Amino acid sequence: MHLNVEIKAKARDRAAIEAYLQAHNADFRGVDHQVDTYFVVPAGRLKLREGNIENSLIFYNRPDQAGPKTSEVHLYHPKETPKLRAVLSAALGSWQTVSKDRAIYFIDNVKFHLDRVEGLGEFVEIEAIDVDGSLGERHIRSQCEHYLRAFGIKEEDLLEQSYSDLLK
C-alpha cells in the first residue's frame, strides 16, 4: 500500500501543460492506450487497467471532492490481464469501462497524466506518490498544489469524480 494525493481537472490548455513539463525536464514515459474495467465491490474502487505501458489491478479508497484528494492505493501488476478480467468479471461483475489515451510524465515522485478520455474530452491528473511513507501527506499535498498553480488550473476545472462516474 502507498499514499497518493491526486488532482484531476479539465485540461483547457494541454499544450501549455506539456510545454511546462518539457521545460522542467519531466521524464516522458510515452502515450499509453488504456482500458480500465471497474468491478462491483462493497467499498472503495477496484479496477483493472490494461495498457501498452501500464497493466495494474488497483484498489483504492478516495473521497469524491474537487482539489487534492488523498487515497490509499493497493497495486498488483498482473501478467495476463485478459484472463484476470474474465475471472473478476465472473466473480464480481463489472459496472463501467473507461477507454483513454494517456501521456505519462514524471518529475521526481509526482506523476502527470494528460488524458483524452473517450466520451469525455481532455484532462490532466497530478498524482503525488509516497511509496514508503517517507514524504508524508503534507508534503505530497503541497506538491499537488504547486503544480495546480504552475499549470494555471482554475477551481471550476477541478473534478470531484472519477472518469467512470462521469461516464455513467
N, C-alpha and C. Protein backbone atom coordinates (compact mmCIF):
# COMPACT_ATOMS: atom_id res chain seq x y z
N MET A 1 0.84 -1.17 0.00
CA MET A 1 0.00 0.00 0.00
C MET A 1 0.89 1.24 0.00
N HIS A 2 0.44 2.26 -0.71
CA HIS A 2 1.11 3.56 -0.65
C HIS A 2 0.08 4.68 -0.62
N LEU A 3 0.55 5.86 -0.29
CA LEU A 3 -0.31 7.03 -0.15
C LEU A 3 -0.18 7.91 -1.38
N ASN A 4 -1.32 8.35 -1.91
CA ASN A 4 -1.38 9.26 -3.05
C ASN A 4 -2.16 10.49 -2.66
N VAL A 5 -1.78 11.61 -3.23
CA VAL A 5 -2.64 12.78 -3.27
C VAL A 5 -2.77 13.11 -4.75
N GLU A 6 -4.02 13.25 -5.19
CA GLU A 6 -4.29 13.39 -6.62
C GLU A 6 -5.21 14.56 -6.90
N ILE A 7 -4.96 15.20 -8.03
CA ILE A 7 -5.84 16.24 -8.55
C ILE A 7 -6.20 15.84 -9.97
N LYS A 8 -7.48 15.94 -10.30
CA LYS A 8 -7.97 15.68 -11.65
C LYS A 8 -8.73 16.92 -12.08
N ALA A 9 -8.43 17.38 -13.33
CA ALA A 9 -9.07 18.61 -13.81
C ALA A 9 -9.22 18.56 -15.33
N LYS A 10 -10.14 19.37 -15.82
CA LYS A 10 -10.24 19.57 -17.27
C LYS A 10 -8.95 20.24 -17.73
N ALA A 11 -8.45 19.80 -18.88
CA ALA A 11 -7.23 20.39 -19.44
C ALA A 11 -7.63 21.37 -20.53
N ARG A 12 -7.75 22.63 -20.16
CA ARG A 12 -8.17 23.65 -21.13
C ARG A 12 -7.03 24.04 -22.06
N ASP A 13 -5.77 23.90 -21.58
CA ASP A 13 -4.61 24.25 -22.41
C ASP A 13 -3.56 23.15 -22.27
N ARG A 14 -3.82 22.04 -22.91
CA ARG A 14 -2.91 20.88 -22.83
C ARG A 14 -1.51 21.24 -23.32
N ALA A 15 -1.42 22.03 -24.38
CA ALA A 15 -0.12 22.40 -24.95
C ALA A 15 0.73 23.15 -23.92
N ALA A 16 0.11 24.04 -23.15
CA ALA A 16 0.85 24.79 -22.13
C ALA A 16 1.35 23.86 -21.03
N ILE A 17 0.54 22.87 -20.64
CA ILE A 17 0.97 21.91 -19.61
C ILE A 17 2.13 21.08 -20.14
N GLU A 18 2.02 20.60 -21.38
CA GLU A 18 3.12 19.83 -21.98
C GLU A 18 4.39 20.67 -22.06
N ALA A 19 4.27 21.93 -22.43
CA ALA A 19 5.44 22.82 -22.52
C ALA A 19 6.08 22.99 -21.15
N TYR A 20 5.26 23.15 -20.11
CA TYR A 20 5.80 23.27 -18.75
C TYR A 20 6.57 22.00 -18.37
N LEU A 21 5.97 20.84 -18.63
CA LEU A 21 6.62 19.58 -18.27
C LEU A 21 7.95 19.42 -19.02
N GLN A 22 7.96 19.76 -20.28
CA GLN A 22 9.20 19.65 -21.07
C GLN A 22 10.25 20.63 -20.57
N ALA A 23 9.84 21.86 -20.26
CA ALA A 23 10.77 22.88 -19.77
C ALA A 23 11.37 22.50 -18.42
N HIS A 24 10.66 21.67 -17.66
CA HIS A 24 11.13 21.25 -16.34
C HIS A 24 11.68 19.82 -16.36
N ASN A 25 12.10 19.39 -17.55
CA ASN A 25 12.78 18.09 -17.74
C ASN A 25 12.01 16.90 -17.18
N ALA A 26 10.70 16.93 -17.36
CA ALA A 26 9.89 15.78 -16.92
C ALA A 26 10.30 14.55 -17.74
N ASP A 27 10.27 13.41 -17.08
CA ASP A 27 10.58 12.13 -17.71
C ASP A 27 9.32 11.64 -18.43
N PHE A 28 9.34 11.70 -19.77
CA PHE A 28 8.19 11.27 -20.57
C PHE A 28 8.29 9.77 -20.78
N ARG A 29 7.26 9.04 -20.33
CA ARG A 29 7.25 7.58 -20.43
C ARG A 29 6.54 7.08 -21.68
N GLY A 30 5.79 7.95 -22.35
CA GLY A 30 5.10 7.57 -23.57
C GLY A 30 3.61 7.81 -23.47
N VAL A 31 2.93 7.48 -24.57
CA VAL A 31 1.47 7.56 -24.62
C VAL A 31 0.94 6.14 -24.58
N ASP A 32 0.06 5.90 -23.65
CA ASP A 32 -0.49 4.56 -23.42
C ASP A 32 -1.99 4.58 -23.71
N HIS A 33 -2.44 3.66 -24.57
CA HIS A 33 -3.89 3.47 -24.71
C HIS A 33 -4.30 2.53 -23.58
N GLN A 34 -5.18 3.00 -22.71
CA GLN A 34 -5.59 2.23 -21.53
C GLN A 34 -7.08 2.00 -21.51
N VAL A 35 -7.45 0.79 -21.10
CA VAL A 35 -8.84 0.46 -20.85
C VAL A 35 -8.93 0.04 -19.39
N ASP A 36 -9.72 0.79 -18.63
CA ASP A 36 -9.94 0.49 -17.21
C ASP A 36 -11.31 -0.15 -17.05
N THR A 37 -11.34 -1.34 -16.47
CA THR A 37 -12.59 -2.02 -16.16
C THR A 37 -12.81 -1.94 -14.66
N TYR A 38 -13.96 -1.38 -14.26
CA TYR A 38 -14.31 -1.23 -12.84
C TYR A 38 -15.22 -2.36 -12.44
N PHE A 39 -14.92 -2.95 -11.28
CA PHE A 39 -15.67 -4.10 -10.78
C PHE A 39 -16.54 -3.70 -9.59
N VAL A 40 -17.58 -4.46 -9.39
CA VAL A 40 -18.52 -4.21 -8.30
C VAL A 40 -17.88 -4.70 -7.00
N VAL A 41 -17.67 -3.78 -6.06
CA VAL A 41 -17.12 -4.11 -4.75
C VAL A 41 -17.92 -3.35 -3.69
N PRO A 42 -17.96 -3.85 -2.44
CA PRO A 42 -18.78 -3.22 -1.41
C PRO A 42 -18.29 -1.85 -0.95
N ALA A 43 -17.00 -1.60 -1.08
CA ALA A 43 -16.44 -0.31 -0.66
C ALA A 43 -15.22 -0.01 -1.51
N GLY A 44 -14.91 1.27 -1.68
CA GLY A 44 -13.75 1.66 -2.48
C GLY A 44 -13.98 1.36 -3.95
N ARG A 45 -12.89 1.28 -4.68
CA ARG A 45 -12.93 1.00 -6.12
C ARG A 45 -11.88 -0.04 -6.46
N LEU A 46 -12.28 -0.95 -7.33
CA LEU A 46 -11.38 -1.97 -7.85
C LEU A 46 -11.44 -1.88 -9.36
N LYS A 47 -10.27 -1.62 -9.98
CA LYS A 47 -10.24 -1.54 -11.44
C LYS A 47 -9.02 -2.29 -11.97
N LEU A 48 -9.21 -2.81 -13.16
CA LEU A 48 -8.12 -3.46 -13.87
C LEU A 48 -7.75 -2.54 -15.03
N ARG A 49 -6.50 -2.09 -15.04
CA ARG A 49 -6.01 -1.23 -16.11
C ARG A 49 -5.22 -2.09 -17.09
N GLU A 50 -5.64 -2.02 -18.35
CA GLU A 50 -4.95 -2.76 -19.40
C GLU A 50 -4.42 -1.75 -20.42
N GLY A 51 -3.09 -1.70 -20.56
CA GLY A 51 -2.47 -0.77 -21.48
C GLY A 51 -1.22 -1.36 -22.10
N ASN A 52 -0.58 -0.55 -22.91
CA ASN A 52 0.68 -0.96 -23.53
C ASN A 52 1.86 -0.69 -22.61
N ILE A 53 1.73 0.30 -21.73
CA ILE A 53 2.79 0.66 -20.79
C ILE A 53 2.43 0.19 -19.38
N GLU A 54 1.22 0.45 -18.97
CA GLU A 54 0.79 0.12 -17.60
C GLU A 54 -0.30 -0.94 -17.61
N ASN A 55 -0.09 -1.98 -16.81
CA ASN A 55 -1.10 -3.01 -16.56
C ASN A 55 -1.14 -3.23 -15.06
N SER A 56 -2.27 -2.90 -14.45
CA SER A 56 -2.35 -2.97 -12.99
C SER A 56 -3.76 -3.32 -12.53
N LEU A 57 -3.82 -4.08 -11.46
CA LEU A 57 -5.05 -4.24 -10.70
C LEU A 57 -4.91 -3.25 -9.55
N ILE A 58 -5.89 -2.34 -9.43
CA ILE A 58 -5.78 -1.23 -8.49
C ILE A 58 -7.01 -1.21 -7.59
N PHE A 59 -6.77 -1.21 -6.28
CA PHE A 59 -7.84 -1.00 -5.31
C PHE A 59 -7.52 0.28 -4.56
N TYR A 60 -8.53 1.17 -4.44
CA TYR A 60 -8.29 2.41 -3.71
C TYR A 60 -9.58 2.91 -3.08
N ASN A 61 -9.37 3.69 -2.02
CA ASN A 61 -10.44 4.46 -1.37
C ASN A 61 -10.07 5.92 -1.52
N ARG A 62 -11.01 6.71 -2.04
CA ARG A 62 -10.75 8.13 -2.25
C ARG A 62 -12.06 8.87 -2.17
N PRO A 63 -12.08 10.01 -1.47
CA PRO A 63 -13.33 10.78 -1.42
C PRO A 63 -13.61 11.47 -2.75
N ASP A 64 -14.88 11.69 -3.04
CA ASP A 64 -15.27 12.49 -4.20
C ASP A 64 -15.27 13.94 -3.76
N GLN A 65 -14.23 14.67 -4.16
CA GLN A 65 -14.12 16.09 -3.82
C GLN A 65 -13.24 16.76 -4.86
N ALA A 66 -13.50 18.02 -5.10
CA ALA A 66 -12.65 18.79 -6.01
C ALA A 66 -11.34 19.11 -5.30
N GLY A 67 -10.28 19.27 -6.07
CA GLY A 67 -8.98 19.60 -5.49
C GLY A 67 -8.25 18.37 -5.03
N PRO A 68 -7.21 18.56 -4.22
CA PRO A 68 -6.39 17.43 -3.79
C PRO A 68 -7.19 16.41 -2.99
N LYS A 69 -7.06 15.14 -3.41
CA LYS A 69 -7.75 14.03 -2.76
C LYS A 69 -6.70 13.03 -2.28
N THR A 70 -6.81 12.60 -1.05
CA THR A 70 -5.89 11.61 -0.51
C THR A 70 -6.51 10.23 -0.66
N SER A 71 -5.68 9.27 -1.09
CA SER A 71 -6.18 7.90 -1.20
C SER A 71 -5.09 6.91 -0.81
N GLU A 72 -5.54 5.79 -0.27
CA GLU A 72 -4.66 4.66 -0.02
C GLU A 72 -4.83 3.73 -1.21
N VAL A 73 -3.70 3.36 -1.81
CA VAL A 73 -3.74 2.59 -3.04
C VAL A 73 -3.02 1.26 -2.86
N HIS A 74 -3.67 0.20 -3.33
CA HIS A 74 -3.06 -1.13 -3.37
C HIS A 74 -2.92 -1.50 -4.84
N LEU A 75 -1.70 -1.88 -5.25
CA LEU A 75 -1.41 -2.19 -6.65
C LEU A 75 -0.91 -3.62 -6.80
N TYR A 76 -1.32 -4.24 -7.88
CA TYR A 76 -0.78 -5.53 -8.29
C TYR A 76 -0.56 -5.46 -9.79
N HIS A 77 0.57 -5.94 -10.26
CA HIS A 77 0.90 -5.88 -11.68
C HIS A 77 0.80 -7.28 -12.29
N PRO A 78 -0.37 -7.62 -12.82
CA PRO A 78 -0.58 -8.97 -13.38
C PRO A 78 0.07 -9.10 -14.76
N LYS A 79 0.39 -10.32 -15.12
CA LYS A 79 0.98 -10.59 -16.43
C LYS A 79 -0.09 -10.87 -17.48
N GLU A 80 -1.17 -11.53 -17.12
CA GLU A 80 -2.20 -11.90 -18.08
C GLU A 80 -3.51 -11.20 -17.74
N THR A 81 -3.61 -9.93 -18.15
CA THR A 81 -4.79 -9.15 -17.77
C THR A 81 -6.09 -9.64 -18.40
N PRO A 82 -6.13 -10.14 -19.63
CA PRO A 82 -7.43 -10.61 -20.15
C PRO A 82 -8.02 -11.76 -19.33
N LYS A 83 -7.18 -12.67 -18.88
CA LYS A 83 -7.66 -13.78 -18.05
C LYS A 83 -8.14 -13.27 -16.70
N LEU A 84 -7.38 -12.34 -16.12
CA LEU A 84 -7.77 -11.78 -14.83
C LEU A 84 -9.09 -11.02 -14.96
N ARG A 85 -9.25 -10.23 -16.03
CA ARG A 85 -10.51 -9.50 -16.25
C ARG A 85 -11.68 -10.47 -16.33
N ALA A 86 -11.51 -11.58 -17.02
CA ALA A 86 -12.58 -12.57 -17.14
C ALA A 86 -12.95 -13.16 -15.79
N VAL A 87 -11.94 -13.47 -14.98
CA VAL A 87 -12.20 -14.04 -13.65
C VAL A 87 -12.91 -13.02 -12.76
N LEU A 88 -12.41 -11.80 -12.72
CA LEU A 88 -13.02 -10.77 -11.87
C LEU A 88 -14.44 -10.42 -12.33
N SER A 89 -14.65 -10.37 -13.64
CA SER A 89 -15.99 -10.09 -14.16
C SER A 89 -16.96 -11.18 -13.77
N ALA A 90 -16.52 -12.44 -13.86
CA ALA A 90 -17.39 -13.56 -13.49
C ALA A 90 -17.69 -13.56 -12.00
N ALA A 91 -16.69 -13.25 -11.19
CA ALA A 91 -16.85 -13.32 -9.73
C ALA A 91 -17.57 -12.11 -9.15
N LEU A 92 -17.27 -10.91 -9.66
CA LEU A 92 -17.77 -9.68 -9.04
C LEU A 92 -18.78 -8.92 -9.90
N GLY A 93 -18.65 -9.05 -11.19
CA GLY A 93 -19.41 -8.22 -12.12
C GLY A 93 -18.68 -6.91 -12.35
N SER A 94 -18.80 -6.36 -13.54
CA SER A 94 -18.19 -5.06 -13.83
C SER A 94 -19.31 -4.05 -14.03
N TRP A 95 -19.00 -2.78 -13.76
CA TRP A 95 -20.05 -1.76 -13.89
C TRP A 95 -19.67 -0.62 -14.82
N GLN A 96 -18.40 -0.54 -15.23
CA GLN A 96 -18.02 0.55 -16.12
C GLN A 96 -16.68 0.24 -16.77
N THR A 97 -16.53 0.71 -18.00
CA THR A 97 -15.26 0.62 -18.72
C THR A 97 -14.91 2.02 -19.21
N VAL A 98 -13.66 2.41 -19.01
CA VAL A 98 -13.17 3.71 -19.44
C VAL A 98 -12.01 3.48 -20.40
N SER A 99 -12.10 4.08 -21.58
CA SER A 99 -11.04 3.97 -22.58
C SER A 99 -10.41 5.35 -22.77
N LYS A 100 -9.08 5.39 -22.73
CA LYS A 100 -8.40 6.68 -22.83
C LYS A 100 -7.01 6.51 -23.44
N ASP A 101 -6.51 7.61 -23.99
CA ASP A 101 -5.12 7.72 -24.39
C ASP A 101 -4.46 8.62 -23.37
N ARG A 102 -3.37 8.12 -22.78
CA ARG A 102 -2.74 8.80 -21.64
C ARG A 102 -1.27 9.04 -21.91
N ALA A 103 -0.87 10.32 -21.92
CA ALA A 103 0.55 10.68 -21.95
C ALA A 103 1.03 10.70 -20.50
N ILE A 104 2.14 9.99 -20.23
CA ILE A 104 2.61 9.80 -18.86
C ILE A 104 3.96 10.49 -18.68
N TYR A 105 4.04 11.35 -17.66
CA TYR A 105 5.27 12.06 -17.32
C TYR A 105 5.55 11.89 -15.82
N PHE A 106 6.82 12.05 -15.44
CA PHE A 106 7.20 12.07 -14.03
C PHE A 106 8.18 13.21 -13.78
N ILE A 107 8.01 13.86 -12.65
CA ILE A 107 9.04 14.72 -12.06
C ILE A 107 9.18 14.23 -10.63
N ASP A 108 10.32 13.62 -10.35
CA ASP A 108 10.58 13.00 -9.05
C ASP A 108 9.45 12.01 -8.72
N ASN A 109 8.77 12.21 -7.60
CA ASN A 109 7.71 11.29 -7.16
C ASN A 109 6.33 11.71 -7.66
N VAL A 110 6.26 12.70 -8.51
CA VAL A 110 4.97 13.20 -8.99
C VAL A 110 4.76 12.71 -10.42
N LYS A 111 3.61 12.08 -10.62
CA LYS A 111 3.23 11.53 -11.92
C LYS A 111 2.15 12.42 -12.52
N PHE A 112 2.30 12.68 -13.81
CA PHE A 112 1.36 13.53 -14.53
C PHE A 112 0.74 12.72 -15.66
N HIS A 113 -0.57 12.82 -15.79
CA HIS A 113 -1.30 12.18 -16.88
C HIS A 113 -1.98 13.27 -17.70
N LEU A 114 -1.77 13.23 -19.00
CA LEU A 114 -2.55 14.07 -19.90
C LEU A 114 -3.43 13.11 -20.66
N ASP A 115 -4.73 13.15 -20.37
CA ASP A 115 -5.66 12.14 -20.84
C ASP A 115 -6.63 12.67 -21.89
N ARG A 116 -6.89 11.84 -22.89
CA ARG A 116 -8.01 12.02 -23.82
C ARG A 116 -8.93 10.84 -23.56
N VAL A 117 -10.05 11.12 -22.92
CA VAL A 117 -10.97 10.08 -22.49
C VAL A 117 -12.13 10.02 -23.48
N GLU A 118 -12.36 8.82 -24.02
CA GLU A 118 -13.47 8.63 -24.96
C GLU A 118 -14.77 9.02 -24.30
N GLY A 119 -15.52 9.90 -24.97
CA GLY A 119 -16.82 10.33 -24.48
C GLY A 119 -16.78 11.47 -23.49
N LEU A 120 -15.58 11.91 -23.08
CA LEU A 120 -15.49 12.98 -22.07
C LEU A 120 -14.64 14.16 -22.48
N GLY A 121 -13.49 13.94 -23.12
CA GLY A 121 -12.61 15.04 -23.50
C GLY A 121 -11.22 14.93 -22.92
N GLU A 122 -10.59 16.11 -22.71
CA GLU A 122 -9.19 16.17 -22.28
C GLU A 122 -9.08 16.60 -20.83
N PHE A 123 -8.16 15.91 -20.13
CA PHE A 123 -7.98 16.13 -18.70
C PHE A 123 -6.50 16.04 -18.33
N VAL A 124 -6.19 16.59 -17.16
CA VAL A 124 -4.87 16.44 -16.57
C VAL A 124 -5.05 15.86 -15.18
N GLU A 125 -4.17 14.94 -14.82
CA GLU A 125 -4.10 14.41 -13.46
C GLU A 125 -2.71 14.67 -12.91
N ILE A 126 -2.67 15.10 -11.68
CA ILE A 126 -1.42 15.30 -10.94
C ILE A 126 -1.49 14.34 -9.77
N GLU A 127 -0.53 13.45 -9.68
CA GLU A 127 -0.57 12.41 -8.65
C GLU A 127 0.77 12.37 -7.91
N ALA A 128 0.79 12.89 -6.69
CA ALA A 128 1.99 12.84 -5.87
C ALA A 128 1.94 11.54 -5.06
N ILE A 129 3.04 10.79 -5.11
CA ILE A 129 3.06 9.42 -4.58
C ILE A 129 4.09 9.31 -3.48
N ASP A 130 3.66 8.75 -2.36
CA ASP A 130 4.56 8.44 -1.24
C ASP A 130 4.57 6.92 -1.09
N VAL A 131 5.54 6.26 -1.72
CA VAL A 131 5.52 4.79 -1.76
C VAL A 131 5.91 4.14 -0.44
N ASP A 132 6.71 4.84 0.38
CA ASP A 132 7.20 4.18 1.60
C ASP A 132 6.92 4.95 2.89
N GLY A 133 6.13 6.02 2.81
CA GLY A 133 5.80 6.79 4.00
C GLY A 133 6.84 7.82 4.39
N SER A 134 7.90 7.97 3.61
CA SER A 134 8.99 8.88 3.98
C SER A 134 8.70 10.35 3.66
N LEU A 135 7.75 10.62 2.78
CA LEU A 135 7.47 12.01 2.39
C LEU A 135 6.36 12.64 3.23
N GLY A 136 5.35 11.89 3.54
CA GLY A 136 4.24 12.39 4.34
C GLY A 136 3.16 13.07 3.51
N GLU A 137 1.95 13.01 4.03
CA GLU A 137 0.81 13.56 3.31
C GLU A 137 0.93 15.06 3.09
N ARG A 138 1.40 15.79 4.08
CA ARG A 138 1.50 17.24 3.94
C ARG A 138 2.42 17.63 2.77
N HIS A 139 3.54 16.92 2.64
CA HIS A 139 4.49 17.22 1.57
C HIS A 139 3.90 16.91 0.20
N ILE A 140 3.30 15.74 0.05
CA ILE A 140 2.78 15.37 -1.27
C ILE A 140 1.55 16.22 -1.63
N ARG A 141 0.80 16.64 -0.64
CA ARG A 141 -0.32 17.56 -0.91
C ARG A 141 0.21 18.91 -1.41
N SER A 142 1.29 19.40 -0.80
CA SER A 142 1.86 20.68 -1.25
C SER A 142 2.44 20.55 -2.66
N GLN A 143 2.97 19.38 -3.02
CA GLN A 143 3.45 19.18 -4.39
C GLN A 143 2.29 19.32 -5.37
N CYS A 144 1.16 18.68 -5.08
CA CYS A 144 -0.01 18.79 -5.96
C CYS A 144 -0.46 20.23 -6.09
N GLU A 145 -0.52 20.94 -4.99
CA GLU A 145 -0.96 22.33 -5.03
C GLU A 145 0.01 23.20 -5.83
N HIS A 146 1.32 22.91 -5.74
CA HIS A 146 2.31 23.64 -6.52
C HIS A 146 2.03 23.49 -8.02
N TYR A 147 1.82 22.26 -8.47
CA TYR A 147 1.59 22.03 -9.90
C TYR A 147 0.22 22.53 -10.35
N LEU A 148 -0.73 22.51 -9.45
CA LEU A 148 -2.04 23.09 -9.75
C LEU A 148 -1.88 24.57 -10.14
N ARG A 149 -1.10 25.29 -9.36
CA ARG A 149 -0.82 26.71 -9.65
C ARG A 149 0.05 26.86 -10.90
N ALA A 150 1.08 26.02 -11.02
CA ALA A 150 2.00 26.11 -12.16
C ALA A 150 1.29 25.89 -13.49
N PHE A 151 0.29 25.00 -13.49
CA PHE A 151 -0.45 24.70 -14.72
C PHE A 151 -1.60 25.68 -14.96
N GLY A 152 -1.85 26.58 -14.00
CA GLY A 152 -2.93 27.56 -14.14
C GLY A 152 -4.31 26.93 -14.14
N ILE A 153 -4.47 25.87 -13.39
CA ILE A 153 -5.77 25.19 -13.33
C ILE A 153 -6.71 25.99 -12.44
N LYS A 154 -7.88 26.28 -12.97
CA LYS A 154 -8.87 27.06 -12.22
C LYS A 154 -9.75 26.14 -11.39
N GLU A 155 -10.29 26.70 -10.32
CA GLU A 155 -11.12 25.92 -9.40
C GLU A 155 -12.31 25.27 -10.11
N GLU A 156 -12.90 25.97 -11.07
CA GLU A 156 -14.07 25.41 -11.76
C GLU A 156 -13.71 24.24 -12.68
N ASP A 157 -12.41 24.05 -12.94
CA ASP A 157 -11.98 22.93 -13.78
C ASP A 157 -11.67 21.66 -12.98
N LEU A 158 -11.62 21.78 -11.66
CA LEU A 158 -11.33 20.62 -10.81
C LEU A 158 -12.50 19.64 -10.82
N LEU A 159 -12.19 18.37 -10.88
CA LEU A 159 -13.22 17.33 -10.90
C LEU A 159 -13.30 16.64 -9.55
N GLU A 160 -14.51 16.36 -9.12
CA GLU A 160 -14.74 15.62 -7.89
C GLU A 160 -14.69 14.12 -8.14
N GLN A 161 -15.21 13.69 -9.29
CA GLN A 161 -15.45 12.27 -9.54
C GLN A 161 -14.42 11.67 -10.49
N SER A 162 -14.42 10.36 -10.54
CA SER A 162 -13.55 9.65 -11.47
C SER A 162 -14.19 9.64 -12.85
N TYR A 163 -13.40 9.28 -13.86
CA TYR A 163 -13.94 9.18 -15.21
C TYR A 163 -15.10 8.18 -15.26
N SER A 164 -14.99 7.12 -14.50
CA SER A 164 -16.06 6.11 -14.50
C SER A 164 -17.39 6.72 -14.07
N ASP A 165 -17.37 7.58 -13.06
CA ASP A 165 -18.59 8.24 -12.60
C ASP A 165 -19.10 9.23 -13.63
N LEU A 166 -18.21 9.95 -14.26
CA LEU A 166 -18.61 10.94 -15.25
C LEU A 166 -19.25 10.30 -16.48
N LEU A 167 -18.85 9.08 -16.79
CA LEU A 167 -19.42 8.37 -17.94
C LEU A 167 -20.77 7.75 -17.65
N LYS A 168 -21.13 7.59 -16.37
CA LYS A 168 -22.42 6.96 -16.00
C LYS A 168 -23.59 7.74 -16.54
